[in-house]
Amino acid sequence: MFLAVGAMALLCLVSVSHSAPLGCEHLLRPLHQLDPRPLEGRWALVAGSLSHLPYLDRFKQRDSATVNFSSNTSDTNISYSRSIRLDSTCLYHSYNISLEGSSFTYDGTDKSNLTANFVHSSCQDCLLMRMDVESGKRQHLYLFSRRREVEQEEMEEFRAQVECLNMPPPVVMDAHKELCPEAQTEEKHEGQKD
């Protein structure tokens, strides 16, 4: 009789644990295989968190930011450009990256210094980028979307993902601040004389 009661209690606990909120392992799972075609185009930074506080303070000074992915001729090598509006000035920078599964590396960089991957998000038009720098000494987590703002439940999921990494609460971008115009073909500052 005691054994039957114990077995029933164990079954109840197992069923309750399966209906519990999603754990960190689930929230931070990398995308299995990234298809670069839906990645292409412009994404607005919605929110981000950085574990290194001096970088987080600098991050908070941004008015807005975007990333733009464009395919070369390969499914694994693509161009990645970013724009940052800071004090009404636009800064642009371009990189070539190589995709492998959910991970990516910046071409021409020390791959042992940076681990970067795309993380699953329930937000359908969002892109979640996670970067571990110097073997996890610094972590970055960025939420991008095709929209300037996301729904409350999508932001709550991002906050939970940030919390799972023991990072400071995310900085949310002001959706009313202007984005930089699309990047020029060469790297330069907006308004810079040729």
N, C-alpha and C. Protein backbone atom coordinates (compact mmCIF):
# COMPACT_ATOMS: atom_id res chain seq x y z
N MET A 1 0.83 -1.19 0.00
CA MET A 1 0.00 0.00 0.00
C MET A 1 0.87 1.26 0.00
N PHE A 2 1.89 1.27 0.89
CA PHE A 2 2.78 2.42 0.98
C PHE A 2 3.50 2.64 -0.35
N LEU A 3 3.89 1.54 -1.00
CA LEU A 3 4.58 1.61 -2.28
C LEU A 3 3.66 2.21 -3.35
N ALA A 4 2.39 1.83 -3.34
CA ALA A 4 1.44 2.35 -4.32
C ALA A 4 1.23 3.85 -4.13
N VAL A 5 1.13 4.32 -2.88
CA VAL A 5 0.96 5.74 -2.60
C VAL A 5 2.20 6.52 -3.05
N GLY A 6 3.37 5.96 -2.78
CA GLY A 6 4.63 6.60 -3.20
C GLY A 6 4.73 6.70 -4.71
N ALA A 7 4.33 5.64 -5.41
CA ALA A 7 4.37 5.65 -6.86
C ALA A 7 3.39 6.68 -7.42
N MET A 8 2.20 6.78 -6.81
CA MET A 8 1.20 7.76 -7.25
C MET A 8 1.72 9.18 -7.03
N ALA A 9 2.36 9.43 -5.90
CA ALA A 9 2.91 10.76 -5.61
C ALA A 9 3.99 11.11 -6.62
N LEU A 10 4.83 10.14 -6.97
CA LEU A 10 5.88 10.37 -7.95
C LEU A 10 5.29 10.71 -9.31
N LEU A 11 4.25 9.99 -9.72
CA LEU A 11 3.58 10.28 -10.99
C LEU A 11 3.01 11.69 -11.01
N CYS A 12 2.41 12.11 -9.91
CA CYS A 12 1.85 13.47 -9.82
C CYS A 12 2.95 14.52 -9.94
N LEU A 13 4.07 14.29 -9.28
CA LEU A 13 5.18 15.24 -9.35
C LEU A 13 5.74 15.33 -10.76
N VAL A 14 5.86 14.20 -11.44
CA VAL A 14 6.37 14.19 -12.81
C VAL A 14 5.43 14.96 -13.72
N SER A 15 4.12 14.77 -13.60
CA SER A 15 3.18 15.48 -14.46
C SER A 15 3.18 16.97 -14.17
N VAL A 16 3.35 17.36 -12.92
CA VAL A 16 3.41 18.78 -12.57
C VAL A 16 4.69 19.40 -13.13
N SER A 17 5.79 18.67 -13.07
CA SER A 17 7.05 19.24 -13.57
C SER A 17 7.00 19.45 -15.08
N HIS A 18 6.24 18.65 -15.80
CA HIS A 18 6.13 18.84 -17.25
C HIS A 18 5.28 20.05 -17.60
N SER A 19 4.39 20.48 -16.71
CA SER A 19 3.57 21.65 -16.99
C SER A 19 4.15 22.92 -16.38
N ALA A 20 5.31 22.82 -15.76
CA ALA A 20 5.95 23.99 -15.14
C ALA A 20 6.43 24.95 -16.21
N PRO A 21 6.69 26.21 -15.84
CA PRO A 21 7.20 27.18 -16.81
C PRO A 21 8.50 26.69 -17.44
N LEU A 22 8.76 27.22 -18.63
CA LEU A 22 9.95 26.81 -19.37
C LEU A 22 11.21 27.15 -18.62
N GLY A 23 12.15 26.22 -18.60
CA GLY A 23 13.41 26.44 -17.91
C GLY A 23 14.41 27.16 -18.80
N CYS A 24 15.52 27.53 -18.19
CA CYS A 24 16.55 28.27 -18.91
C CYS A 24 17.12 27.50 -20.09
N GLU A 25 17.27 26.20 -19.94
CA GLU A 25 17.82 25.41 -21.04
C GLU A 25 16.94 25.55 -22.28
N HIS A 26 15.62 25.53 -22.08
CA HIS A 26 14.68 25.69 -23.19
C HIS A 26 14.71 27.11 -23.74
N LEU A 27 14.75 28.10 -22.85
CA LEU A 27 14.73 29.50 -23.27
C LEU A 27 15.98 29.91 -24.04
N LEU A 28 17.10 29.26 -23.78
CA LEU A 28 18.36 29.66 -24.41
C LEU A 28 18.83 28.68 -25.47
N ARG A 29 17.94 27.82 -25.93
CA ARG A 29 18.38 26.82 -26.91
C ARG A 29 18.69 27.48 -28.25
N PRO A 30 19.83 27.11 -28.82
CA PRO A 30 20.21 27.68 -30.12
C PRO A 30 19.28 27.17 -31.22
N LEU A 31 19.16 27.94 -32.27
CA LEU A 31 18.42 27.47 -33.44
C LEU A 31 19.15 26.26 -33.99
N HIS A 32 18.41 25.27 -34.48
CA HIS A 32 19.05 24.05 -34.97
C HIS A 32 19.85 24.32 -36.24
N GLN A 33 19.18 24.78 -37.24
CA GLN A 33 19.84 25.05 -38.52
C GLN A 33 19.25 26.34 -39.05
N LEU A 34 20.08 27.32 -39.22
CA LEU A 34 19.64 28.63 -39.66
C LEU A 34 19.56 28.69 -41.18
N ASP A 35 18.40 29.06 -41.70
CA ASP A 35 18.24 29.31 -43.12
C ASP A 35 18.55 30.78 -43.35
N PRO A 36 19.58 31.10 -44.12
CA PRO A 36 19.97 32.51 -44.25
C PRO A 36 18.98 33.38 -45.01
N ARG A 37 18.09 32.80 -45.83
CA ARG A 37 17.17 33.63 -46.62
C ARG A 37 16.24 34.48 -45.77
N PRO A 38 15.55 33.93 -44.75
CA PRO A 38 14.70 34.80 -43.92
C PRO A 38 15.51 35.79 -43.08
N LEU A 39 16.79 35.55 -42.93
CA LEU A 39 17.66 36.43 -42.16
C LEU A 39 17.92 37.73 -42.91
N GLU A 40 17.86 37.68 -44.23
CA GLU A 40 18.22 38.83 -45.05
C GLU A 40 17.32 40.03 -44.79
N GLY A 41 17.91 41.19 -44.88
CA GLY A 41 17.17 42.44 -44.72
C GLY A 41 17.55 43.16 -43.44
N ARG A 42 16.76 44.17 -43.16
CA ARG A 42 17.05 45.07 -42.05
C ARG A 42 16.26 44.68 -40.80
N TRP A 43 16.94 44.71 -39.67
CA TRP A 43 16.36 44.39 -38.37
C TRP A 43 16.65 45.55 -37.41
N ALA A 44 15.65 45.99 -36.69
CA ALA A 44 15.83 47.06 -35.71
C ALA A 44 16.13 46.46 -34.34
N LEU A 45 17.08 47.06 -33.64
CA LEU A 45 17.37 46.63 -32.27
C LEU A 45 16.22 47.06 -31.38
N VAL A 46 15.63 46.10 -30.67
CA VAL A 46 14.53 46.38 -29.75
C VAL A 46 15.04 46.48 -28.32
N ALA A 47 15.95 45.57 -27.95
CA ALA A 47 16.47 45.56 -26.58
C ALA A 47 17.77 44.77 -26.55
N GLY A 48 18.53 44.98 -25.49
CA GLY A 48 19.78 44.25 -25.34
C GLY A 48 20.28 44.32 -23.92
N SER A 49 21.14 43.38 -23.58
CA SER A 49 21.80 43.39 -22.28
C SER A 49 23.24 42.94 -22.48
N LEU A 50 24.12 43.52 -21.68
CA LEU A 50 25.54 43.18 -21.71
C LEU A 50 25.99 42.95 -20.28
N SER A 51 26.79 41.93 -20.07
CA SER A 51 27.21 41.61 -18.71
C SER A 51 28.29 42.54 -18.19
N HIS A 52 29.05 43.16 -19.08
CA HIS A 52 30.15 44.05 -18.69
C HIS A 52 29.58 45.46 -18.51
N LEU A 53 29.50 45.94 -17.27
CA LEU A 53 28.78 47.19 -16.97
C LEU A 53 29.30 48.42 -17.72
N PRO A 54 30.62 48.61 -17.90
CA PRO A 54 31.04 49.78 -18.69
C PRO A 54 30.50 49.74 -20.12
N TYR A 55 30.43 48.56 -20.73
CA TYR A 55 29.86 48.45 -22.07
C TYR A 55 28.35 48.67 -22.04
N LEU A 56 27.71 48.21 -20.98
CA LEU A 56 26.27 48.43 -20.84
C LEU A 56 25.96 49.92 -20.73
N ASP A 57 26.77 50.65 -19.99
CA ASP A 57 26.57 52.11 -19.88
C ASP A 57 26.70 52.77 -21.25
N ARG A 58 27.67 52.35 -22.03
CA ARG A 58 27.84 52.90 -23.38
C ARG A 58 26.67 52.50 -24.27
N PHE A 59 26.20 51.26 -24.11
CA PHE A 59 25.07 50.75 -24.89
C PHE A 59 23.82 51.61 -24.64
N LYS A 60 23.61 52.04 -23.41
CA LYS A 60 22.44 52.84 -23.04
C LYS A 60 22.42 54.20 -23.74
N GLN A 61 23.56 54.66 -24.22
CA GLN A 61 23.63 55.97 -24.86
C GLN A 61 23.14 55.95 -26.31
N ARG A 62 22.93 54.78 -26.88
CA ARG A 62 22.46 54.68 -28.26
C ARG A 62 21.04 55.21 -28.37
N ASP A 63 20.79 55.92 -29.47
CA ASP A 63 19.42 56.32 -29.77
C ASP A 63 18.67 55.19 -30.46
N SER A 64 19.35 54.52 -31.38
CA SER A 64 18.76 53.39 -32.11
C SER A 64 19.89 52.61 -32.78
N ALA A 65 19.55 51.45 -33.27
CA ALA A 65 20.53 50.62 -33.99
C ALA A 65 19.80 49.64 -34.89
N THR A 66 20.46 49.26 -35.96
CA THR A 66 19.93 48.24 -36.87
C THR A 66 21.06 47.31 -37.29
N VAL A 67 20.67 46.15 -37.76
CA VAL A 67 21.59 45.26 -38.47
C VAL A 67 20.93 44.92 -39.79
N ASN A 68 21.76 44.65 -40.78
CA ASN A 68 21.26 44.30 -42.10
C ASN A 68 22.09 43.13 -42.60
N PHE A 69 21.42 42.06 -42.97
CA PHE A 69 22.10 40.88 -43.50
C PHE A 69 21.82 40.81 -44.99
N SER A 70 22.86 40.56 -45.77
CA SER A 70 22.67 40.37 -47.21
C SER A 70 23.51 39.18 -47.64
N SER A 71 22.92 38.39 -48.50
CA SER A 71 23.58 37.16 -48.94
C SER A 71 24.59 37.47 -50.03
N ASN A 72 25.70 36.81 -49.94
CA ASN A 72 26.64 36.83 -51.05
C ASN A 72 26.13 35.76 -52.00
N THR A 73 26.94 34.90 -52.48
CA THR A 73 26.47 33.82 -53.36
C THR A 73 26.39 32.50 -52.62
N SER A 74 26.71 32.51 -51.35
CA SER A 74 26.80 31.28 -50.57
C SER A 74 25.72 31.25 -49.49
N ASP A 75 25.31 30.05 -49.10
CA ASP A 75 24.37 29.91 -47.98
C ASP A 75 25.08 30.01 -46.63
N THR A 76 26.39 29.96 -46.63
CA THR A 76 27.12 29.99 -45.36
C THR A 76 27.91 31.27 -45.13
N ASN A 77 28.16 32.04 -46.17
CA ASN A 77 28.90 33.30 -46.03
C ASN A 77 27.98 34.45 -46.39
N ILE A 78 27.75 35.36 -45.45
CA ILE A 78 26.87 36.49 -45.70
C ILE A 78 27.51 37.77 -45.16
N SER A 79 27.01 38.89 -45.65
CA SER A 79 27.46 40.19 -45.17
C SER A 79 26.54 40.65 -44.06
N TYR A 80 27.13 41.31 -43.09
CA TYR A 80 26.40 41.78 -41.92
C TYR A 80 26.86 43.22 -41.69
N SER A 81 25.93 44.15 -41.75
CA SER A 81 26.29 45.54 -41.48
C SER A 81 25.42 46.04 -40.34
N ARG A 82 25.98 46.97 -39.57
CA ARG A 82 25.22 47.52 -38.46
C ARG A 82 25.28 49.04 -38.56
N SER A 83 24.25 49.66 -38.05
CA SER A 83 24.23 51.11 -37.93
C SER A 83 23.82 51.45 -36.51
N ILE A 84 24.45 52.48 -35.97
CA ILE A 84 24.15 52.94 -34.62
C ILE A 84 23.95 54.44 -34.68
N ARG A 85 22.82 54.91 -34.18
CA ARG A 85 22.59 56.35 -34.07
C ARG A 85 22.94 56.74 -32.65
N LEU A 86 23.89 57.66 -32.53
CA LEU A 86 24.39 58.12 -31.25
C LEU A 86 24.54 59.63 -31.32
N ASP A 87 23.78 60.35 -30.52
CA ASP A 87 23.83 61.82 -30.53
C ASP A 87 23.62 62.38 -31.94
N SER A 88 22.60 61.92 -32.62
CA SER A 88 22.22 62.38 -33.97
C SER A 88 23.28 62.09 -35.04
N THR A 89 24.23 61.24 -34.74
CA THR A 89 25.24 60.84 -35.71
C THR A 89 25.09 59.35 -35.98
N CYS A 90 25.20 58.97 -37.24
CA CYS A 90 25.10 57.56 -37.61
C CYS A 90 26.48 56.98 -37.84
N LEU A 91 26.72 55.85 -37.22
CA LEU A 91 27.97 55.12 -37.39
C LEU A 91 27.65 53.80 -38.08
N TYR A 92 28.43 53.46 -39.10
CA TYR A 92 28.21 52.25 -39.88
C TYR A 92 29.44 51.36 -39.81
N HIS A 93 29.20 50.07 -39.83
CA HIS A 93 30.32 49.12 -39.91
C HIS A 93 29.81 47.85 -40.58
N SER A 94 30.64 47.26 -41.43
CA SER A 94 30.26 46.04 -42.15
C SER A 94 31.24 44.92 -41.85
N TYR A 95 30.70 43.70 -41.86
CA TYR A 95 31.49 42.50 -41.59
C TYR A 95 31.06 41.42 -42.57
N ASN A 96 31.92 40.47 -42.79
CA ASN A 96 31.54 39.23 -43.44
C ASN A 96 31.51 38.17 -42.35
N ILE A 97 30.44 37.38 -42.34
CA ILE A 97 30.33 36.33 -41.34
C ILE A 97 30.10 34.99 -42.02
N SER A 98 30.50 33.94 -41.33
CA SER A 98 30.28 32.57 -41.80
C SER A 98 29.30 31.89 -40.86
N LEU A 99 28.27 31.29 -41.44
CA LEU A 99 27.24 30.59 -40.67
C LEU A 99 27.56 29.11 -40.61
N GLU A 100 27.33 28.52 -39.44
CA GLU A 100 27.46 27.07 -39.28
C GLU A 100 26.43 26.64 -38.25
N GLY A 101 25.34 26.03 -38.72
CA GLY A 101 24.24 25.69 -37.82
C GLY A 101 23.63 26.95 -37.26
N SER A 102 23.59 27.08 -35.95
CA SER A 102 23.05 28.30 -35.32
C SER A 102 24.16 29.29 -34.99
N SER A 103 25.41 28.90 -35.21
CA SER A 103 26.54 29.75 -34.84
C SER A 103 27.02 30.58 -36.02
N PHE A 104 27.72 31.64 -35.70
CA PHE A 104 28.38 32.41 -36.75
C PHE A 104 29.69 32.95 -36.23
N THR A 105 30.60 33.17 -37.15
CA THR A 105 31.90 33.76 -36.81
C THR A 105 32.14 34.94 -37.74
N TYR A 106 32.83 35.92 -37.21
CA TYR A 106 33.24 37.06 -38.02
C TYR A 106 34.48 36.64 -38.77
N ASP A 107 34.43 36.71 -40.09
CA ASP A 107 35.58 36.32 -40.90
C ASP A 107 36.77 37.21 -40.57
N GLY A 108 37.94 36.59 -40.45
CA GLY A 108 39.16 37.33 -40.19
C GLY A 108 39.39 37.66 -38.72
N THR A 109 38.59 37.08 -37.82
CA THR A 109 38.79 37.33 -36.40
C THR A 109 39.26 36.06 -35.70
N ASP A 110 39.78 36.22 -34.52
CA ASP A 110 40.20 35.09 -33.70
C ASP A 110 38.95 34.37 -33.19
N LYS A 111 38.66 33.22 -33.76
CA LYS A 111 37.45 32.48 -33.42
C LYS A 111 37.45 31.97 -31.98
N SER A 112 38.62 31.89 -31.36
CA SER A 112 38.68 31.41 -29.98
C SER A 112 38.25 32.50 -28.99
N ASN A 113 38.17 33.74 -29.44
CA ASN A 113 37.85 34.86 -28.57
C ASN A 113 36.35 35.16 -28.51
N LEU A 114 35.58 34.70 -29.49
CA LEU A 114 34.17 35.05 -29.59
C LEU A 114 33.35 33.85 -30.02
N THR A 115 32.30 33.55 -29.28
CA THR A 115 31.32 32.55 -29.68
C THR A 115 30.01 33.29 -29.89
N ALA A 116 29.43 33.14 -31.05
CA ALA A 116 28.19 33.85 -31.35
C ALA A 116 27.20 32.88 -31.97
N ASN A 117 25.94 33.00 -31.54
CA ASN A 117 24.91 32.16 -32.15
C ASN A 117 23.56 32.83 -32.10
N PHE A 118 22.65 32.27 -32.88
CA PHE A 118 21.27 32.71 -32.91
C PHE A 118 20.47 31.80 -31.99
N VAL A 119 19.65 32.39 -31.15
CA VAL A 119 18.90 31.67 -30.12
C VAL A 119 17.42 31.68 -30.50
N HIS A 120 16.74 30.60 -30.16
CA HIS A 120 15.31 30.48 -30.44
C HIS A 120 14.52 31.57 -29.72
N SER A 121 13.50 32.08 -30.38
CA SER A 121 12.56 33.03 -29.79
C SER A 121 11.17 32.66 -30.27
N SER A 122 10.16 32.82 -29.42
CA SER A 122 8.79 32.54 -29.84
C SER A 122 8.25 33.68 -30.71
N CYS A 123 8.93 34.80 -30.73
CA CYS A 123 8.55 35.95 -31.56
C CYS A 123 8.83 35.59 -33.02
N GLN A 124 7.81 35.65 -33.87
CA GLN A 124 7.94 35.18 -35.24
C GLN A 124 8.80 36.07 -36.13
N ASP A 125 8.85 37.36 -35.85
CA ASP A 125 9.65 38.26 -36.69
C ASP A 125 10.81 38.86 -35.89
N CYS A 126 11.35 38.06 -34.98
CA CYS A 126 12.47 38.51 -34.15
C CYS A 126 13.72 37.69 -34.44
N LEU A 127 14.83 38.27 -34.08
CA LEU A 127 16.13 37.64 -34.21
C LEU A 127 16.85 37.85 -32.89
N LEU A 128 17.28 36.77 -32.27
CA LEU A 128 17.95 36.84 -30.98
C LEU A 128 19.40 36.41 -31.16
N MET A 129 20.33 37.33 -30.90
CA MET A 129 21.76 37.07 -31.06
C MET A 129 22.43 37.02 -29.70
N ARG A 130 23.17 35.96 -29.47
CA ARG A 130 23.91 35.79 -28.21
C ARG A 130 25.40 35.72 -28.52
N MET A 131 26.18 36.48 -27.78
CA MET A 131 27.63 36.48 -27.97
C MET A 131 28.33 36.28 -26.64
N ASP A 132 29.27 35.36 -26.63
CA ASP A 132 30.15 35.13 -25.47
C ASP A 132 31.55 35.55 -25.90
N VAL A 133 32.09 36.52 -25.20
CA VAL A 133 33.40 37.06 -25.53
C VAL A 133 34.40 36.62 -24.46
N GLU A 134 35.59 36.28 -24.91
CA GLU A 134 36.66 35.85 -24.01
C GLU A 134 36.21 34.69 -23.11
N SER A 135 35.72 33.64 -23.75
CA SER A 135 35.28 32.42 -23.05
C SER A 135 34.22 32.70 -22.01
N GLY A 136 33.28 33.55 -22.33
CA GLY A 136 32.16 33.82 -21.43
C GLY A 136 32.42 34.88 -20.39
N LYS A 137 33.58 35.52 -20.42
CA LYS A 137 33.84 36.59 -19.45
C LYS A 137 32.88 37.76 -19.65
N ARG A 138 32.51 37.99 -20.91
CA ARG A 138 31.52 39.00 -21.24
C ARG A 138 30.45 38.36 -22.10
N GLN A 139 29.20 38.66 -21.80
CA GLN A 139 28.09 38.14 -22.59
C GLN A 139 27.26 39.31 -23.11
N HIS A 140 26.74 39.11 -24.33
CA HIS A 140 25.85 40.09 -24.94
C HIS A 140 24.62 39.31 -25.42
N LEU A 141 23.44 39.87 -25.24
CA LEU A 141 22.22 39.28 -25.77
C LEU A 141 21.41 40.41 -26.38
N TYR A 142 21.11 40.29 -27.69
CA TYR A 142 20.41 41.34 -28.42
C TYR A 142 19.13 40.80 -29.03
N LEU A 143 18.05 41.56 -28.89
CA LEU A 143 16.77 41.22 -29.51
C LEU A 143 16.51 42.21 -30.64
N PHE A 144 16.44 41.68 -31.86
CA PHE A 144 16.12 42.47 -33.05
C PHE A 144 14.77 42.03 -33.57
N SER A 145 14.09 42.93 -34.28
CA SER A 145 12.81 42.59 -34.88
C SER A 145 12.64 43.39 -36.16
N ARG A 146 11.71 42.93 -37.00
CA ARG A 146 11.33 43.71 -38.18
C ARG A 146 10.49 44.91 -37.74
N ARG A 147 9.93 44.82 -36.52
CA ARG A 147 9.15 45.92 -35.93
C ARG A 147 10.06 46.70 -34.98
N ARG A 148 9.65 47.91 -34.62
CA ARG A 148 10.43 48.70 -33.66
C ARG A 148 10.10 48.32 -32.22
N GLU A 149 8.92 47.76 -31.99
CA GLU A 149 8.50 47.32 -30.66
C GLU A 149 7.95 45.91 -30.77
N VAL A 150 8.04 45.15 -29.70
CA VAL A 150 7.47 43.81 -29.68
C VAL A 150 6.34 43.78 -28.65
N GLU A 151 5.55 42.72 -28.70
CA GLU A 151 4.45 42.56 -27.76
C GLU A 151 5.00 42.32 -26.35
N GLN A 152 4.17 42.59 -25.37
CA GLN A 152 4.60 42.47 -23.97
C GLN A 152 5.08 41.06 -23.65
N GLU A 153 4.37 40.03 -24.13
CA GLU A 153 4.79 38.66 -23.82
C GLU A 153 6.12 38.31 -24.50
N GLU A 154 6.38 38.90 -25.67
CA GLU A 154 7.66 38.68 -26.34
C GLU A 154 8.80 39.34 -25.55
N MET A 155 8.53 40.54 -25.01
CA MET A 155 9.54 41.21 -24.19
C MET A 155 9.75 40.46 -22.88
N GLU A 156 8.69 39.91 -22.31
CA GLU A 156 8.83 39.13 -21.07
C GLU A 156 9.69 37.89 -21.31
N GLU A 157 9.53 37.25 -22.47
CA GLU A 157 10.38 36.11 -22.79
C GLU A 157 11.84 36.56 -22.86
N PHE A 158 12.10 37.70 -23.51
CA PHE A 158 13.47 38.20 -23.60
C PHE A 158 14.02 38.52 -22.21
N ARG A 159 13.22 39.13 -21.36
CA ARG A 159 13.67 39.42 -19.99
C ARG A 159 14.04 38.13 -19.25
N ALA A 160 13.24 37.07 -19.46
CA ALA A 160 13.54 35.78 -18.82
C ALA A 160 14.85 35.20 -19.37
N GLN A 161 15.08 35.36 -20.67
CA GLN A 161 16.32 34.86 -21.26
C GLN A 161 17.53 35.61 -20.68
N VAL A 162 17.40 36.92 -20.52
CA VAL A 162 18.47 37.73 -19.93
C VAL A 162 18.72 37.27 -18.49
N GLU A 163 17.64 37.05 -17.76
CA GLU A 163 17.75 36.61 -16.36
C GLU A 163 18.44 35.25 -16.26
N CYS A 164 18.14 34.36 -17.21
CA CYS A 164 18.79 33.04 -17.22
C CYS A 164 20.31 33.16 -17.33
N LEU A 165 20.77 34.20 -17.98
CA LEU A 165 22.21 34.40 -18.15
C LEU A 165 22.82 35.23 -17.01
N ASN A 166 22.00 35.55 -16.01
CA ASN A 166 22.44 36.37 -14.87
C ASN A 166 23.02 37.71 -15.32
N MET A 167 22.36 38.31 -16.30
CA MET A 167 22.80 39.59 -16.82
C MET A 167 21.90 40.70 -16.27
N PRO A 168 22.35 41.96 -16.35
CA PRO A 168 21.51 43.07 -15.90
C PRO A 168 20.22 43.14 -16.73
N PRO A 169 19.16 43.73 -16.18
CA PRO A 169 17.90 43.86 -16.93
C PRO A 169 18.16 44.52 -18.29
N PRO A 170 17.40 44.13 -19.31
CA PRO A 170 17.66 44.65 -20.65
C PRO A 170 17.38 46.14 -20.77
N VAL A 171 18.13 46.76 -21.66
CA VAL A 171 17.90 48.14 -22.06
C VAL A 171 16.97 48.08 -23.26
N VAL A 172 15.83 48.76 -23.18
CA VAL A 172 14.86 48.76 -24.27
C VAL A 172 15.03 50.06 -25.06
N MET A 173 15.16 49.92 -26.38
CA MET A 173 15.33 51.08 -27.24
C MET A 173 14.03 51.87 -27.33
N ASP A 174 14.14 53.16 -27.51
CA ASP A 174 12.98 54.03 -27.70
C ASP A 174 12.55 53.91 -29.16
N ALA A 175 11.37 53.34 -29.39
CA ALA A 175 10.89 53.07 -30.75
C ALA A 175 10.58 54.35 -31.52
N HIS A 176 10.53 55.48 -30.85
CA HIS A 176 10.21 56.74 -31.52
C HIS A 176 11.45 57.48 -32.00
N LYS A 177 12.62 57.01 -31.62
CA LYS A 177 13.86 57.64 -32.08
C LYS A 177 14.18 57.14 -33.48
N GLU A 178 14.70 58.04 -34.28
CA GLU A 178 14.95 57.77 -35.69
C GLU A 178 16.06 56.73 -35.89
N LEU A 179 15.84 55.88 -36.90
CA LEU A 179 16.87 54.93 -37.32
C LEU A 179 17.80 55.61 -38.31
N CYS A 180 18.99 55.11 -38.44
CA CYS A 180 19.90 55.61 -39.46
C CYS A 180 19.39 55.19 -40.84
N PRO A 181 19.68 56.00 -41.87
CA PRO A 181 19.33 55.56 -43.22
C PRO A 181 20.11 54.30 -43.57
N GLU A 182 19.66 53.61 -44.61
CA GLU A 182 20.38 52.41 -45.05
C GLU A 182 21.85 52.74 -45.26
N ALA A 183 22.72 51.80 -44.93
CA ALA A 183 24.17 52.02 -45.02
C ALA A 183 24.62 52.19 -46.46
N GLN A 184 25.63 53.03 -46.64
CA GLN A 184 26.25 53.18 -47.94
C GLN A 184 27.13 51.96 -48.19
N THR A 185 27.63 51.86 -49.41
CA THR A 185 28.44 50.69 -49.75
C THR A 185 29.78 50.69 -49.05
N GLU A 186 30.29 51.85 -48.71
CA GLU A 186 31.55 51.88 -47.97
C GLU A 186 31.30 52.44 -46.59
N GLU A 187 32.13 52.04 -45.66
CA GLU A 187 31.97 52.46 -44.27
C GLU A 187 32.32 53.93 -44.13
N LYS A 188 31.37 54.72 -43.58
CA LYS A 188 31.66 56.12 -43.28
C LYS A 188 30.59 56.65 -42.35
N HIS A 189 30.83 57.82 -41.78
CA HIS A 189 29.86 58.46 -40.91
C HIS A 189 28.91 59.29 -41.75
N GLU A 190 27.62 59.33 -41.35
CA GLU A 190 26.65 60.16 -42.04
C GLU A 190 27.11 61.61 -41.95
N GLY A 191 27.05 62.32 -43.07
CA GLY A 191 27.45 63.71 -43.07
C GLY A 191 28.95 63.89 -43.29
N GLN A 192 29.71 62.82 -43.37
CA GLN A 192 31.16 62.90 -43.56
C GLN A 192 31.45 63.35 -44.98
N LYS A 193 32.37 64.26 -45.16
CA LYS A 193 32.73 64.74 -46.50
C LYS A 193 33.62 63.72 -47.18
N ASP A 194 33.40 63.58 -48.48
CA ASP A 194 34.22 62.63 -49.26
C ASP A 194 35.60 63.15 -49.52
